[in-house]
């Protein structure tokens, strides 16, 4: 916010379309600060919802001195899939993981996912060209409507205030 005093600031926050799967908050903001929560299945969507809420609240606070948007980069072939493979190898049914799931994942990664370079294009465009904010973009620079909890401006303000308290 301080940098916005010196000219237009552009911020691109990486979120995910999974943010829209968060239809209710099963936890309080205080519980969000607990790293153990993120080991539980299904909390990825809440982390990405918070990223989207953060971008929208930052955009509101920039008040014309800058813009902030969120982006879902799409399916990107990145190291995150290697970590997923490692965790699958340590599960009970390693034969299924080794002979079916991991080869299928590798095929999808090689044939259907964006390269890391292509996956970064929308973020780069948001950080260098966009002059309006508070929106969500998907891969190939496509604006999508913000809805559900992601459109809750009051929740965004509460998250911002909570984040400031945690960082003090």
C-alpha atoms as a PDB file:
ATOM      1  CA  UNK A   1       0.000   0.000   0.000  1.00  0.00           C
ATOM      2  CA  UNK A   2       2.912   2.356   0.682  1.00  0.00           C
ATOM      3  CA  UNK A   3       4.287   1.817  -2.844  1.00  0.00           C
ATOM      4  CA  UNK A   4       0.926   2.896  -4.286  1.00  0.00           C
ATOM      5  CA  UNK A   5       1.712   6.455  -3.185  1.00  0.00           C
ATOM      6  CA  UNK A   6       4.386   6.601  -5.890  1.00  0.00           C
ATOM      7  CA  UNK A   7       2.323   5.428  -8.859  1.00  0.00           C
ATOM      8  CA  UNK A   8       0.097   2.660 -10.163  1.00  0.00           C
ATOM      9  CA  UNK A   9       0.752  -0.680  -8.497  1.00  0.00           C
ATOM     10  CA  UNK A  10      -0.318  -3.962 -10.105  1.00  0.00           C
ATOM     11  CA  UNK A  11      -0.590  -7.156  -8.082  1.00  0.00           C
ATOM     12  CA  UNK A  12      -1.407 -10.640  -9.389  1.00  0.00           C
ATOM     13  CA  UNK A  13      -2.323 -13.136  -6.658  1.00  0.00           C
ATOM     14  CA  UNK A  14      -2.278 -16.824  -7.583  1.00  0.00           C
ATOM     15  CA  UNK A  15      -5.506 -18.485  -6.556  1.00  0.00           C
ATOM     16  CA  UNK A  16      -7.408 -21.353  -8.142  1.00  0.00           C
ATOM     17  CA  UNK A  17     -10.801 -22.208  -9.521  1.00  0.00           C
ATOM     18  CA  UNK A  18     -10.964 -24.505  -6.476  1.00  0.00           C
ATOM     19  CA  UNK A  19     -11.770 -21.356  -4.453  1.00  0.00           C
ATOM     20  CA  UNK A  20     -15.316 -21.630  -5.800  1.00  0.00           C
ATOM     21  CA  UNK A  21     -15.697 -25.060  -4.190  1.00  0.00           C
ATOM     22  CA  UNK A  22     -15.539 -23.393  -0.767  1.00  0.00           C
ATOM     23  CA  UNK A  23     -19.248 -22.831  -0.217  1.00  0.00           C
ATOM     24  CA  UNK A  24     -18.997 -22.364   3.546  1.00  0.00           C
ATOM     25  CA  UNK A  25     -16.230 -21.869   6.059  1.00  0.00           C
ATOM     26  CA  UNK A  26     -16.069 -24.888   8.360  1.00  0.00           C
ATOM     27  CA  UNK A  27     -13.458 -23.154  10.519  1.00  0.00           C
ATOM     28  CA  UNK A  28     -12.883 -19.753  12.090  1.00  0.00           C
ATOM     29  CA  UNK A  29     -10.241 -17.326  10.908  1.00  0.00           C
ATOM     30  CA  UNK A  30      -8.208 -18.172  14.031  1.00  0.00           C
ATOM     31  CA  UNK A  31      -8.151 -21.811  12.944  1.00  0.00           C
ATOM     32  CA  UNK A  32      -6.793 -20.762   9.540  1.00  0.00           C
ATOM     33  CA  UNK A  33      -3.550 -19.907  11.295  1.00  0.00           C
ATOM     34  CA  UNK A  34      -3.096 -23.553  12.358  1.00  0.00           C
ATOM     35  CA  UNK A  35      -0.713 -25.332   9.929  1.00  0.00           C
ATOM     36  CA  UNK A  36      -2.120 -28.713  10.992  1.00  0.00           C
ATOM     37  CA  UNK A  37      -5.389 -27.773   9.258  1.00  0.00           C
ATOM     38  CA  UNK A  38      -3.697 -27.795   5.862  1.00  0.00           C
ATOM     39  CA  UNK A  39      -2.735 -31.428   6.216  1.00  0.00           C
ATOM     40  CA  UNK A  40      -6.428 -32.274   6.186  1.00  0.00           C
ATOM     41  CA  UNK A  41      -8.061 -33.186   2.929  1.00  0.00           C
ATOM     42  CA  UNK A  42     -10.068 -30.455   1.281  1.00  0.00           C
ATOM     43  CA  UNK A  43      -8.394 -27.399   2.780  1.00  0.00           C
ATOM     44  CA  UNK A  44      -6.694 -26.403  -0.468  1.00  0.00           C
ATOM     45  CA  UNK A  45      -9.925 -24.768  -1.601  1.00  0.00           C
ATOM     46  CA  UNK A  46     -10.010 -22.591   1.528  1.00  0.00           C
ATOM     47  CA  UNK A  47      -6.413 -21.483   1.033  1.00  0.00           C
ATOM     48  CA  UNK A  48      -7.244 -20.482  -2.540  1.00  0.00           C
ATOM     49  CA  UNK A  49     -10.434 -18.747  -1.402  1.00  0.00           C
ATOM     50  CA  UNK A  50      -8.341 -16.696   1.026  1.00  0.00           C
ATOM     51  CA  UNK A  51      -5.979 -15.742  -1.818  1.00  0.00           C
ATOM     52  CA  UNK A  52      -8.925 -14.517  -3.876  1.00  0.00           C
ATOM     53  CA  UNK A  53     -10.436 -12.612  -0.936  1.00  0.00           C
ATOM     54  CA  UNK A  54      -7.028 -11.058  -0.251  1.00  0.00           C
ATOM     55  CA  UNK A  55      -6.704  -9.850  -3.863  1.00  0.00           C
ATOM     56  CA  UNK A  56     -10.170  -8.301  -3.812  1.00  0.00           C
ATOM     57  CA  UNK A  57      -9.594  -6.577  -0.455  1.00  0.00           C
ATOM     58  CA  UNK A  58      -6.161  -5.313  -1.533  1.00  0.00           C
ATOM     59  CA  UNK A  59      -7.760  -3.915  -4.682  1.00  0.00           C
ATOM     60  CA  UNK A  60     -10.362  -2.098  -2.563  1.00  0.00           C
ATOM     61  CA  UNK A  61      -7.667  -0.674  -0.271  1.00  0.00           C
ATOM     62  CA  UNK A  62      -5.538   0.515  -3.192  1.00  0.00           C
ATOM     63  CA  UNK A  63      -8.483   2.768  -4.087  1.00  0.00           C
ATOM     64  CA  UNK A  64      -7.421   3.747  -7.600  1.00  0.00           C
ATOM     65  CA  UNK A  65      -3.688   3.923  -6.798  1.00  0.00           C
ATOM     66  CA  UNK A  66      -3.231   0.401  -8.066  1.00  0.00           C
ATOM     67  CA  UNK A  67      -5.018  -2.790  -8.990  1.00  0.00           C
ATOM     68  CA  UNK A  68      -5.008  -6.303  -7.586  1.00  0.00           C
ATOM     69  CA  UNK A  69      -6.476  -9.345  -9.285  1.00  0.00           C
ATOM     70  CA  UNK A  70      -6.454 -13.081  -8.681  1.00  0.00           C
ATOM     71  CA  UNK A  71      -5.560 -15.711 -11.243  1.00  0.00           C
ATOM     72  CA  UNK A  72      -6.189 -19.401 -11.725  1.00  0.00           C
ATOM     73  CA  UNK A  73      -3.183 -20.395 -13.841  1.00  0.00           C
ATOM     74  CA  UNK A  74      -4.773 -23.610 -15.076  1.00  0.00           C
ATOM     75  CA  UNK A  75      -3.296 -27.080 -14.872  1.00  0.00           C
ATOM     76  CA  UNK A  76       0.441 -26.443 -14.876  1.00  0.00           C
ATOM     77  CA  UNK A  77       3.076 -29.155 -15.049  1.00  0.00           C
ATOM     78  CA  UNK A  78       5.146 -28.214 -12.021  1.00  0.00           C
ATOM     79  CA  UNK A  79       7.058 -29.825  -9.178  1.00  0.00           C
ATOM     80  CA  UNK A  80       3.888 -30.061  -7.096  1.00  0.00           C
ATOM     81  CA  UNK A  81       3.041 -33.244  -8.996  1.00  0.00           C
ATOM     82  CA  UNK A  82       6.402 -34.813  -8.023  1.00  0.00           C
ATOM     83  CA  UNK A  83       5.528 -34.278  -4.346  1.00  0.00           C
ATOM     84  CA  UNK A  84       2.127 -35.846  -4.959  1.00  0.00           C
ATOM     85  CA  UNK A  85       3.782 -38.869  -6.584  1.00  0.00           C
ATOM     86  CA  UNK A  86       6.127 -39.242  -3.607  1.00  0.00           C
ATOM     87  CA  UNK A  87       3.227 -39.237  -1.166  1.00  0.00           C
ATOM     88  CA  UNK A  88       1.352 -41.818  -3.261  1.00  0.00           C
ATOM     89  CA  UNK A  89       4.342 -44.156  -3.227  1.00  0.00           C
ATOM     90  CA  UNK A  90       4.183 -44.245   0.572  1.00  0.00           C
ATOM     91  CA  UNK A  91       0.499 -45.169   0.711  1.00  0.00           C
ATOM     92  CA  UNK A  92      -0.767 -48.716   1.220  1.00  0.00           C
ATOM     93  CA  UNK A  93      -1.668 -49.560  -2.352  1.00  0.00           C
ATOM     94  CA  UNK A  94       1.674 -48.734  -3.927  1.00  0.00           C
ATOM     95  CA  UNK A  95       1.117 -51.220  -6.789  1.00  0.00           C
ATOM     96  CA  UNK A  96      -1.876 -49.187  -7.994  1.00  0.00           C
ATOM     97  CA  UNK A  97       0.056 -45.954  -7.565  1.00  0.00           C
ATOM     98  CA  UNK A  98       3.152 -47.217  -9.396  1.00  0.00           C
ATOM     99  CA  UNK A  99       1.392 -49.069 -12.222  1.00  0.00           C
ATOM    100  CA  UNK A 100      -1.772 -47.087 -12.842  1.00  0.00           C
ATOM    101  CA  UNK A 101      -2.114 -43.723 -11.160  1.00  0.00           C
ATOM    102  CA  UNK A 102       1.387 -42.298 -11.531  1.00  0.00           C
ATOM    103  CA  UNK A 103       1.712 -43.278 -15.214  1.00  0.00           C
ATOM    104  CA  UNK A 104      -1.712 -41.731 -15.873  1.00  0.00           C
ATOM    105  CA  UNK A 105      -0.690 -38.566 -14.016  1.00  0.00           C
ATOM    106  CA  UNK A 106       2.556 -38.375 -16.006  1.00  0.00           C
ATOM    107  CA  UNK A 107       0.590 -38.713 -19.263  1.00  0.00           C
ATOM    108  CA  UNK A 108      -1.813 -35.942 -18.243  1.00  0.00           C
ATOM    109  CA  UNK A 109       1.089 -33.745 -17.166  1.00  0.00           C
ATOM    110  CA  UNK A 110       2.927 -34.282 -20.461  1.00  0.00           C
ATOM    111  CA  UNK A 111      -0.061 -33.997 -22.786  1.00  0.00           C
ATOM    112  CA  UNK A 112      -2.769 -31.855 -21.191  1.00  0.00           C
ATOM    113  CA  UNK A 113      -1.115 -29.429 -18.790  1.00  0.00           C
ATOM    114  CA  UNK A 114       0.496 -26.076 -19.487  1.00  0.00           C
ATOM    115  CA  UNK A 115       4.247 -25.700 -19.243  1.00  0.00           C
ATOM    116  CA  UNK A 116       5.380 -23.528 -16.335  1.00  0.00           C
ATOM    117  CA  UNK A 117       6.243 -20.792 -18.847  1.00  0.00           C
ATOM    118  CA  UNK A 118       2.792 -20.829 -20.467  1.00  0.00           C
ATOM    119  CA  UNK A 119       1.131 -21.067 -17.063  1.00  0.00           C
ATOM    120  CA  UNK A 120       2.784 -17.784 -16.055  1.00  0.00           C
ATOM    121  CA  UNK A 121       1.445 -15.770 -19.011  1.00  0.00           C
ATOM    122  CA  UNK A 122      -1.806 -14.687 -17.361  1.00  0.00           C
ATOM    123  CA  UNK A 123       0.004 -13.602 -14.192  1.00  0.00           C
ATOM    124  CA  UNK A 124       2.460 -11.587 -16.287  1.00  0.00           C
ATOM    125  CA  UNK A 125      -0.348  -9.900 -18.197  1.00  0.00           C
ATOM    126  CA  UNK A 126      -2.135  -9.009 -14.951  1.00  0.00           C
ATOM    127  CA  UNK A 127       1.060  -7.592 -13.483  1.00  0.00           C
ATOM    128  CA  UNK A 128       1.943  -5.518 -16.546  1.00  0.00           C
ATOM    129  CA  UNK A 129      -1.176  -4.575 -18.516  1.00  0.00           C
ATOM    130  CA  UNK A 130      -4.411  -4.655 -16.539  1.00  0.00           C
ATOM    131  CA  UNK A 131      -5.714  -1.359 -15.174  1.00  0.00           C
ATOM    132  CA  UNK A 132      -8.889  -2.533 -13.400  1.00  0.00           C
ATOM    133  CA  UNK A 133      -8.931  -4.779 -10.376  1.00  0.00           C
ATOM    134  CA  UNK A 134     -10.849  -7.016  -8.027  1.00  0.00           C
ATOM    135  CA  UNK A 135     -11.398  -9.710 -10.614  1.00  0.00           C
ATOM    136  CA  UNK A 136     -10.528 -13.371 -11.143  1.00  0.00           C
ATOM    137  CA  UNK A 137      -8.847 -14.498 -14.337  1.00  0.00           C
ATOM    138  CA  UNK A 138      -8.324 -17.976 -15.710  1.00  0.00           C
ATOM    139  CA  UNK A 139      -5.615 -19.223 -18.016  1.00  0.00           C
ATOM    140  CA  UNK A 140      -5.495 -17.563 -21.429  1.00  0.00           C
ATOM    141  CA  UNK A 141      -6.481 -14.266 -19.846  1.00  0.00           C
ATOM    142  CA  UNK A 142     -10.194 -14.971 -19.488  1.00  0.00           C
ATOM    143  CA  UNK A 143     -12.060 -12.939 -16.860  1.00  0.00           C
ATOM    144  CA  UNK A 144     -14.571 -14.960 -14.838  1.00  0.00           C
ATOM    145  CA  UNK A 145     -17.283 -13.740 -12.471  1.00  0.00           C
ATOM    146  CA  UNK A 146     -16.516 -13.735  -8.752  1.00  0.00           C
ATOM    147  CA  UNK A 147     -19.275 -15.426  -6.805  1.00  0.00           C
ATOM    148  CA  UNK A 148     -20.142 -17.206  -3.575  1.00  0.00           C
ATOM    149  CA  UNK A 149     -17.855 -16.657  -0.584  1.00  0.00           C
ATOM    150  CA  UNK A 150     -15.256 -15.107  -2.884  1.00  0.00           C
ATOM    151  CA  UNK A 151     -17.627 -12.166  -3.459  1.00  0.00           C
ATOM    152  CA  UNK A 152     -18.137 -11.581   0.282  1.00  0.00           C
ATOM    153  CA  UNK A 153     -16.469  -8.189   0.819  1.00  0.00           C
ATOM    154  CA  UNK A 154     -17.075  -8.320   4.583  1.00  0.00           C
ATOM    155  CA  UNK A 155     -15.261 -11.665   4.820  1.00  0.00           C
ATOM    156  CA  UNK A 156     -12.377 -10.139   2.839  1.00  0.00           C
ATOM    157  CA  UNK A 157     -12.147  -7.247   5.327  1.00  0.00           C
ATOM    158  CA  UNK A 158     -12.213  -9.658   8.277  1.00  0.00           C
ATOM    159  CA  UNK A 159      -9.471 -11.781   6.682  1.00  0.00           C
ATOM    160  CA  UNK A 160      -7.323  -8.680   6.094  1.00  0.00           C
ATOM    161  CA  UNK A 161      -7.745  -7.486   9.689  1.00  0.00           C
ATOM    162  CA  UNK A 162      -7.016 -10.978  11.017  1.00  0.00           C
ATOM    163  CA  UNK A 163      -3.890 -11.213   8.831  1.00  0.00           C
ATOM    164  CA  UNK A 164      -2.625  -7.885  10.156  1.00  0.00           C
ATOM    165  CA  UNK A 165      -3.081  -9.118  13.742  1.00  0.00           C
ATOM    166  CA  UNK A 166      -1.203 -12.345  13.029  1.00  0.00           C
ATOM    167  CA  UNK A 167       1.692 -10.491  11.385  1.00  0.00           C
ATOM    168  CA  UNK A 168       2.196  -8.051  14.263  1.00  0.00           C
END
